[in-house]
Structure formats: C-alpha cells, structure tokens
C-alpha cells in the first residue's frame, strides 16, 4: 500500500508564493512519475505539472514560468514551488504517483486559496 501526504497549502495574496510538498511512503516499486493536479470548484481535475524518473517535466500552459516541480528521489517526495500566484490558481491540489507497472496513487489534496 502506498500513501501520499500533501502539505503546504494555505491562503496567500495574489502575487505571493507557496511551496507544496508530497511525501510518498509504503511499498513503492518502480516509481515512474510524480505529478500535481488541481481541481477548482465546479471544474474538472487538471494536470498542473509532472516529473518523470528521468527528471523530465511537463507543465500546464497556465502555470509555465510561474510553477516549478521538483523531486527528491531518496525521500520519495515531490515539490511544487508556486510563484506569482493568481486568484485563478485557487483549487485543491492533489499529488499523484505512477509506477512503471501502471499503478496510480493519489493524495487527499491540499487547499490553495489565492485572494485578489
């Protein structure tokens, strides 16, 4: 069983910064990718950023240049540095872990609220 625990969410003013963390624990075999998704009220969950085991990254167009995803393989932890936050970044942010065997695991989410 794999557990993902997100932290770092909160309330911030527009233009501010937050750093999210997601720590994975449990029986992790062949970790392939870790990612951040978000879901705003009334909206579908969307991919924010993804980082593969080779450190290649993917970003949603809406966050390019503002958000940075990184990972610490030794700690099975992924981070999301969010700068120049906008009210439209307000959402619950979820961590996802994918294995090379096709398994996916999700955290319970952390709320980010950006006030204007």
Protein backbone atom coordinates (compact mmCIF):
# COMPACT_ATOMS: atom_id res chain seq x y z
CA UNK A 1 0.00 0.00 0.00
CA UNK A 2 1.22 3.46 -0.93
CA UNK A 3 0.34 6.61 0.97
CA UNK A 4 0.74 10.16 -0.29
CA UNK A 5 0.58 13.08 2.10
CA UNK A 6 0.43 16.62 0.77
CA UNK A 7 1.30 19.72 2.75
CA UNK A 8 1.98 23.40 2.23
CA UNK A 9 -1.38 24.69 1.11
CA UNK A 10 -2.98 27.78 2.56
CA UNK A 11 -4.19 31.30 1.93
CA UNK A 12 -1.98 33.73 0.07
CA UNK A 13 -2.45 37.06 -1.64
CA UNK A 14 -2.19 37.40 -5.38
CA UNK A 15 1.44 37.69 -6.41
CA UNK A 16 2.60 35.63 -3.48
CA UNK A 17 4.26 32.22 -3.31
CA UNK A 18 3.63 28.82 -1.79
CA UNK A 19 5.56 25.57 -1.80
CA UNK A 20 3.66 22.31 -1.77
CA UNK A 21 5.20 19.02 -0.70
CA UNK A 22 4.05 15.47 -1.22
CA UNK A 23 5.72 12.62 0.62
CA UNK A 24 5.16 9.07 -0.55
CA UNK A 25 5.54 6.09 1.75
CA UNK A 26 4.81 2.39 1.67
CA UNK A 27 5.61 -0.29 -0.87
CA UNK A 28 6.70 1.70 -3.90
CA UNK A 29 8.02 -0.40 -6.76
CA UNK A 30 9.37 1.07 -9.96
CA UNK A 31 8.30 4.65 -9.33
CA UNK A 32 7.83 6.24 -12.75
CA UNK A 33 6.37 9.68 -12.31
CA UNK A 34 5.03 12.05 -9.73
CA UNK A 35 2.70 14.89 -10.52
CA UNK A 36 0.48 17.64 -9.22
CA UNK A 37 -3.11 18.06 -10.34
CA UNK A 38 -5.66 20.59 -9.20
CA UNK A 39 -9.40 20.90 -9.08
CA UNK A 40 -11.23 24.17 -8.70
CA UNK A 41 -14.87 24.29 -7.54
CA UNK A 42 -17.16 23.17 -10.33
CA UNK A 43 -14.25 22.28 -12.58
CA UNK A 44 -12.62 19.05 -13.70
CA UNK A 45 -9.34 17.96 -12.22
CA UNK A 46 -6.44 19.07 -14.40
CA UNK A 47 -2.75 18.32 -14.64
CA UNK A 48 -0.55 21.10 -13.31
CA UNK A 49 2.92 19.58 -13.58
CA UNK A 50 4.52 16.17 -13.97
CA UNK A 51 8.06 14.93 -13.39
CA UNK A 52 9.34 11.58 -14.61
CA UNK A 53 12.03 9.40 -13.09
CA UNK A 54 14.49 10.85 -15.62
CA UNK A 55 13.61 14.35 -14.31
CA UNK A 56 11.86 15.40 -17.50
CA UNK A 57 8.94 17.72 -16.77
CA UNK A 58 5.61 18.77 -18.22
CA UNK A 59 3.67 21.88 -17.25
CA UNK A 60 0.21 23.14 -17.98
CA UNK A 61 0.36 26.25 -20.15
CA UNK A 62 -1.39 28.24 -17.44
CA UNK A 63 1.47 27.74 -14.96
CA UNK A 64 4.54 27.75 -17.19
CA UNK A 65 7.12 30.23 -15.96
CA UNK A 66 5.44 30.52 -12.55
CA UNK A 67 5.45 27.00 -11.11
CA UNK A 68 8.36 24.60 -10.74
CA UNK A 69 8.09 20.91 -9.97
CA UNK A 70 11.00 19.04 -8.43
CA UNK A 71 11.59 15.76 -6.66
CA UNK A 72 13.85 14.17 -4.09
CA UNK A 73 14.13 10.53 -5.14
CA UNK A 74 15.82 9.49 -1.92
CA UNK A 75 12.85 10.78 0.05
CA UNK A 76 10.15 9.86 -2.50
CA UNK A 77 8.99 13.43 -2.23
CA UNK A 78 7.79 15.83 -4.89
CA UNK A 79 7.55 19.58 -4.53
CA UNK A 80 5.66 22.31 -6.33
CA UNK A 81 7.04 25.81 -6.00
CA UNK A 82 4.31 28.25 -6.95
CA UNK A 83 5.23 31.87 -7.60
CA UNK A 84 3.25 34.86 -8.87
CA UNK A 85 0.06 33.20 -7.74
CA UNK A 86 -3.22 34.34 -9.24
CA UNK A 87 -6.79 34.02 -7.95
CA UNK A 88 -7.46 31.52 -10.73
CA UNK A 89 -4.86 29.22 -9.15
CA UNK A 90 -7.28 28.66 -6.27
CA UNK A 91 -8.03 24.95 -6.09
CA UNK A 92 -7.44 21.76 -4.20
CA UNK A 93 -4.05 20.44 -5.26
CA UNK A 94 -3.58 16.70 -5.46
CA UNK A 95 -0.39 14.67 -5.66
CA UNK A 96 -0.24 11.63 -7.93
CA UNK A 97 2.32 8.84 -8.08
CA UNK A 98 2.55 6.49 -11.04
CA UNK A 99 4.56 3.28 -11.25
CA UNK A 100 6.12 1.59 -14.26
CA UNK A 101 3.53 -1.16 -13.76
CA UNK A 102 0.69 1.26 -14.46
CA UNK A 103 -0.48 1.73 -10.88
CA UNK A 104 -1.60 5.18 -9.79
CA UNK A 105 -1.94 6.55 -6.28
CA UNK A 106 -3.46 9.83 -5.15
CA UNK A 107 -3.17 12.00 -2.09
CA UNK A 108 -6.17 13.54 -0.35
CA UNK A 109 -5.34 17.04 -1.50
CA UNK A 110 -4.34 20.36 -0.02
CA UNK A 111 -6.29 23.58 -0.48
CA UNK A 112 -4.65 26.61 -2.03
CA UNK A 113 -6.60 29.86 -1.87
CA UNK A 114 -5.32 32.98 -3.62
CA UNK A 115 -7.04 36.22 -2.69
CA UNK A 116 -7.20 39.19 -5.02
